[in-house]
């Protein structure tokens, strides 16, 4: 997995969250993830297909997810669980789309499936590729989250 593949994800996360949630995330150093336990409480996961197949995920801590969604919706949440589920799915879709556009500029063309959202303490993420999972940690004023991707 090439480190250059991380750049479109960093740009997509920064662009989407600053525009949609008025949040300025700071990317940490990408690393190869060990195991499949999520680094948070709420994960948006989308499968990707093309010349290669794989998946992209974004996992938020509970407090970060709620803060991001409140910023997106402009205030209090009516149904916290449902609002967070819907918004994390939409954020995952937007970040995946923009990252895939950036990967296309590097010669990797993907189509994305409809995102699914997984919630709960210590949940696992099943990436579809049998290759190492690249993780990019982020921090922002709302808390921490991690973007992961893998394709083969």
C-alpha atoms as a PDB file:
ATOM      1  CA  UNK A   1       0.000   0.000   0.000  1.00  0.00           C
ATOM      2  CA  UNK A   2       1.562   3.278  -1.088  1.00  0.00           C
ATOM      3  CA  UNK A   3       1.652   6.195   1.353  1.00  0.00           C
ATOM      4  CA  UNK A   4       0.624   8.537  -1.513  1.00  0.00           C
ATOM      5  CA  UNK A   5      -2.799   6.876  -1.373  1.00  0.00           C
ATOM      6  CA  UNK A   6      -3.367   8.551   2.004  1.00  0.00           C
ATOM      7  CA  UNK A   7      -3.222  12.084   0.541  1.00  0.00           C
ATOM      8  CA  UNK A   8      -6.669  12.030  -1.146  1.00  0.00           C
ATOM      9  CA  UNK A   9      -8.204  10.799   2.126  1.00  0.00           C
ATOM     10  CA  UNK A  10      -6.613  13.584   4.179  1.00  0.00           C
ATOM     11  CA  UNK A  11      -7.808  16.177   1.671  1.00  0.00           C
ATOM     12  CA  UNK A  12     -11.320  14.683   1.506  1.00  0.00           C
ATOM     13  CA  UNK A  13     -11.702  14.582   5.304  1.00  0.00           C
ATOM     14  CA  UNK A  14     -10.447  18.148   5.675  1.00  0.00           C
ATOM     15  CA  UNK A  15     -12.668  19.492   2.869  1.00  0.00           C
ATOM     16  CA  UNK A  16     -15.851  17.649   3.860  1.00  0.00           C
ATOM     17  CA  UNK A  17     -15.713  18.264   7.609  1.00  0.00           C
ATOM     18  CA  UNK A  18     -14.691  21.906   7.313  1.00  0.00           C
ATOM     19  CA  UNK A  19     -17.513  22.570   4.839  1.00  0.00           C
ATOM     20  CA  UNK A  20     -20.277  20.408   6.360  1.00  0.00           C
ATOM     21  CA  UNK A  21     -19.507  20.640  10.085  1.00  0.00           C
ATOM     22  CA  UNK A  22     -17.281  23.725  10.430  1.00  0.00           C
ATOM     23  CA  UNK A  23     -14.560  21.535  11.948  1.00  0.00           C
ATOM     24  CA  UNK A  24     -10.846  21.684  11.147  1.00  0.00           C
ATOM     25  CA  UNK A  25      -9.362  18.191  11.517  1.00  0.00           C
ATOM     26  CA  UNK A  26      -5.627  17.604  11.896  1.00  0.00           C
ATOM     27  CA  UNK A  27      -4.232  14.425  10.381  1.00  0.00           C
ATOM     28  CA  UNK A  28      -1.781  12.303  12.312  1.00  0.00           C
ATOM     29  CA  UNK A  29       0.775   9.943  10.816  1.00  0.00           C
ATOM     30  CA  UNK A  30      -0.718   7.089   8.718  1.00  0.00           C
ATOM     31  CA  UNK A  31       0.031   3.588   9.966  1.00  0.00           C
ATOM     32  CA  UNK A  32      -0.782  -0.030   9.170  1.00  0.00           C
ATOM     33  CA  UNK A  33      -3.616  -1.114  11.459  1.00  0.00           C
ATOM     34  CA  UNK A  34      -3.338  -4.347  13.398  1.00  0.00           C
ATOM     35  CA  UNK A  35      -6.545  -6.257  14.180  1.00  0.00           C
ATOM     36  CA  UNK A  36     -10.094  -5.346  13.231  1.00  0.00           C
ATOM     37  CA  UNK A  37     -11.407  -3.602  16.360  1.00  0.00           C
ATOM     38  CA  UNK A  38     -12.637  -0.078  15.625  1.00  0.00           C
ATOM     39  CA  UNK A  39     -10.822   2.903  17.154  1.00  0.00           C
ATOM     40  CA  UNK A  40     -14.100   4.455  18.267  1.00  0.00           C
ATOM     41  CA  UNK A  41     -17.829   3.963  18.707  1.00  0.00           C
ATOM     42  CA  UNK A  42     -19.464   4.853  15.367  1.00  0.00           C
ATOM     43  CA  UNK A  43     -18.155   3.644  11.983  1.00  0.00           C
ATOM     44  CA  UNK A  44     -19.280   4.424   8.468  1.00  0.00           C
ATOM     45  CA  UNK A  45     -18.096   1.721   6.048  1.00  0.00           C
ATOM     46  CA  UNK A  46     -18.312   1.666   2.261  1.00  0.00           C
ATOM     47  CA  UNK A  47     -17.195  -1.005  -0.182  1.00  0.00           C
ATOM     48  CA  UNK A  48     -15.375   0.060  -3.336  1.00  0.00           C
ATOM     49  CA  UNK A  49     -14.948  -1.763  -6.631  1.00  0.00           C
ATOM     50  CA  UNK A  50     -12.986  -1.137  -9.798  1.00  0.00           C
ATOM     51  CA  UNK A  51      -9.642  -2.398 -11.027  1.00  0.00           C
ATOM     52  CA  UNK A  52      -9.133  -3.229  -7.360  1.00  0.00           C
ATOM     53  CA  UNK A  53     -11.706  -4.048  -4.659  1.00  0.00           C
ATOM     54  CA  UNK A  54     -11.664  -2.818  -1.111  1.00  0.00           C
ATOM     55  CA  UNK A  55     -13.309  -0.653   1.507  1.00  0.00           C
ATOM     56  CA  UNK A  56     -13.097   2.706   3.220  1.00  0.00           C
ATOM     57  CA  UNK A  57     -14.203   3.446   6.772  1.00  0.00           C
ATOM     58  CA  UNK A  58     -14.359   6.403   9.127  1.00  0.00           C
ATOM     59  CA  UNK A  59     -14.726   5.757  12.857  1.00  0.00           C
ATOM     60  CA  UNK A  60     -15.623   8.460  15.370  1.00  0.00           C
ATOM     61  CA  UNK A  61     -15.582   8.429  19.133  1.00  0.00           C
ATOM     62  CA  UNK A  62     -19.124   8.893  20.457  1.00  0.00           C
ATOM     63  CA  UNK A  63     -18.507  12.469  21.647  1.00  0.00           C
ATOM     64  CA  UNK A  64     -16.852  13.449  18.362  1.00  0.00           C
ATOM     65  CA  UNK A  65     -19.693  11.962  16.284  1.00  0.00           C
ATOM     66  CA  UNK A  66     -22.346  13.818  18.287  1.00  0.00           C
ATOM     67  CA  UNK A  67     -20.433  17.124  18.070  1.00  0.00           C
ATOM     68  CA  UNK A  68     -19.903  16.766  14.302  1.00  0.00           C
ATOM     69  CA  UNK A  69     -23.569  15.942  13.718  1.00  0.00           C
ATOM     70  CA  UNK A  70     -24.748  18.839  15.914  1.00  0.00           C
ATOM     71  CA  UNK A  71     -22.567  21.181  13.840  1.00  0.00           C
ATOM     72  CA  UNK A  72     -23.930  19.713  10.600  1.00  0.00           C
ATOM     73  CA  UNK A  73     -27.549  20.024  11.683  1.00  0.00           C
ATOM     74  CA  UNK A  74     -27.114  23.380  13.382  1.00  0.00           C
ATOM     75  CA  UNK A  75     -28.186  22.518  16.897  1.00  0.00           C
ATOM     76  CA  UNK A  76     -29.715  19.875  19.105  1.00  0.00           C
ATOM     77  CA  UNK A  77     -30.448  16.392  17.826  1.00  0.00           C
ATOM     78  CA  UNK A  78     -34.014  15.064  17.820  1.00  0.00           C
ATOM     79  CA  UNK A  79     -33.099  11.377  17.893  1.00  0.00           C
ATOM     80  CA  UNK A  80     -29.385  11.109  18.756  1.00  0.00           C
ATOM     81  CA  UNK A  81     -28.934   7.505  17.593  1.00  0.00           C
ATOM     82  CA  UNK A  82     -30.774   7.956  14.286  1.00  0.00           C
ATOM     83  CA  UNK A  83     -29.337  11.419  13.549  1.00  0.00           C
ATOM     84  CA  UNK A  84     -25.779  10.204  14.199  1.00  0.00           C
ATOM     85  CA  UNK A  85     -26.342   7.043  12.124  1.00  0.00           C
ATOM     86  CA  UNK A  86     -27.720   9.031   9.171  1.00  0.00           C
ATOM     87  CA  UNK A  87     -25.085  11.781   9.321  1.00  0.00           C
ATOM     88  CA  UNK A  88     -22.112   9.402   9.677  1.00  0.00           C
ATOM     89  CA  UNK A  89     -23.399   7.475   6.651  1.00  0.00           C
ATOM     90  CA  UNK A  90     -23.621  10.711   4.660  1.00  0.00           C
ATOM     91  CA  UNK A  91     -20.175  11.911   5.812  1.00  0.00           C
ATOM     92  CA  UNK A  92     -18.713   8.527   4.839  1.00  0.00           C
ATOM     93  CA  UNK A  93     -20.345   8.791   1.416  1.00  0.00           C
ATOM     94  CA  UNK A  94     -18.980  12.317   0.816  1.00  0.00           C
ATOM     95  CA  UNK A  95     -15.452  11.532   2.029  1.00  0.00           C
ATOM     96  CA  UNK A  96     -15.386   8.283   0.039  1.00  0.00           C
ATOM     97  CA  UNK A  97     -16.526  10.082  -3.114  1.00  0.00           C
ATOM     98  CA  UNK A  98     -13.961  12.852  -2.851  1.00  0.00           C
ATOM     99  CA  UNK A  99     -11.152  10.435  -1.910  1.00  0.00           C
ATOM    100  CA  UNK A 100     -12.058   8.198  -4.868  1.00  0.00           C
ATOM    101  CA  UNK A 101     -11.820  11.250  -7.159  1.00  0.00           C
ATOM    102  CA  UNK A 102      -8.325  11.923  -5.769  1.00  0.00           C
ATOM    103  CA  UNK A 103      -7.325   8.280  -6.229  1.00  0.00           C
ATOM    104  CA  UNK A 104      -8.572   8.441  -9.838  1.00  0.00           C
ATOM    105  CA  UNK A 105      -5.988  11.188 -10.446  1.00  0.00           C
ATOM    106  CA  UNK A 106      -3.371   8.613  -9.342  1.00  0.00           C
ATOM    107  CA  UNK A 107      -4.773   6.061 -11.804  1.00  0.00           C
ATOM    108  CA  UNK A 108      -7.016   4.089  -9.401  1.00  0.00           C
ATOM    109  CA  UNK A 109     -10.657   4.281 -10.471  1.00  0.00           C
ATOM    110  CA  UNK A 110     -13.304   3.020  -8.026  1.00  0.00           C
ATOM    111  CA  UNK A 111     -17.062   2.964  -7.702  1.00  0.00           C
ATOM    112  CA  UNK A 112     -18.557   3.082  -4.229  1.00  0.00           C
ATOM    113  CA  UNK A 113     -21.419   1.127  -2.693  1.00  0.00           C
ATOM    114  CA  UNK A 114     -23.979   2.531  -0.267  1.00  0.00           C
ATOM    115  CA  UNK A 115     -22.355   3.087   3.136  1.00  0.00           C
ATOM    116  CA  UNK A 116     -23.383   1.101   6.193  1.00  0.00           C
ATOM    117  CA  UNK A 117     -23.026   2.361   9.759  1.00  0.00           C
ATOM    118  CA  UNK A 118     -21.902   0.240  12.705  1.00  0.00           C
ATOM    119  CA  UNK A 119     -22.362   1.502  16.264  1.00  0.00           C
ATOM    120  CA  UNK A 120     -21.245   0.193  19.644  1.00  0.00           C
ATOM    121  CA  UNK A 121     -18.306  -0.192  21.995  1.00  0.00           C
ATOM    122  CA  UNK A 122     -15.452  -2.360  20.700  1.00  0.00           C
ATOM    123  CA  UNK A 123     -17.198  -3.200  17.422  1.00  0.00           C
ATOM    124  CA  UNK A 124     -15.163  -4.674  14.591  1.00  0.00           C
ATOM    125  CA  UNK A 125     -14.651  -3.525  11.015  1.00  0.00           C
ATOM    126  CA  UNK A 126     -14.505  -6.169   8.309  1.00  0.00           C
ATOM    127  CA  UNK A 127     -12.510  -4.688   5.439  1.00  0.00           C
ATOM    128  CA  UNK A 128     -13.036  -6.784   2.320  1.00  0.00           C
ATOM    129  CA  UNK A 129      -9.463  -6.787   1.000  1.00  0.00           C
ATOM    130  CA  UNK A 130      -6.910  -9.288   2.273  1.00  0.00           C
ATOM    131  CA  UNK A 131      -4.222  -6.615   2.242  1.00  0.00           C
ATOM    132  CA  UNK A 132      -2.935  -4.425   5.074  1.00  0.00           C
ATOM    133  CA  UNK A 133      -5.364  -1.776   6.319  1.00  0.00           C
ATOM    134  CA  UNK A 134      -3.955   1.752   6.230  1.00  0.00           C
ATOM    135  CA  UNK A 135      -5.233   3.960   9.068  1.00  0.00           C
ATOM    136  CA  UNK A 136      -5.023   7.745   9.371  1.00  0.00           C
ATOM    137  CA  UNK A 137      -5.770   9.167  12.825  1.00  0.00           C
ATOM    138  CA  UNK A 138      -7.351  12.614  13.048  1.00  0.00           C
ATOM    139  CA  UNK A 139      -7.974  14.991  15.909  1.00  0.00           C
ATOM    140  CA  UNK A 140     -10.191  18.052  16.021  1.00  0.00           C
ATOM    141  CA  UNK A 141     -11.835  20.314  18.558  1.00  0.00           C
ATOM    142  CA  UNK A 142     -14.725  17.800  18.748  1.00  0.00           C
ATOM    143  CA  UNK A 143     -12.531  14.760  19.480  1.00  0.00           C
ATOM    144  CA  UNK A 144     -10.762  11.980  17.592  1.00  0.00           C
ATOM    145  CA  UNK A 145     -11.592   9.814  14.609  1.00  0.00           C
ATOM    146  CA  UNK A 146      -9.806   7.447  12.249  1.00  0.00           C
ATOM    147  CA  UNK A 147     -10.072   6.851   8.511  1.00  0.00           C
ATOM    148  CA  UNK A 148      -9.116   3.400   7.251  1.00  0.00           C
ATOM    149  CA  UNK A 149      -8.801   2.017   3.748  1.00  0.00           C
ATOM    150  CA  UNK A 150      -7.692  -1.169   2.105  1.00  0.00           C
ATOM    151  CA  UNK A 151      -7.862  -2.403  -1.466  1.00  0.00           C
ATOM    152  CA  UNK A 152      -6.404  -5.215  -3.547  1.00  0.00           C
END
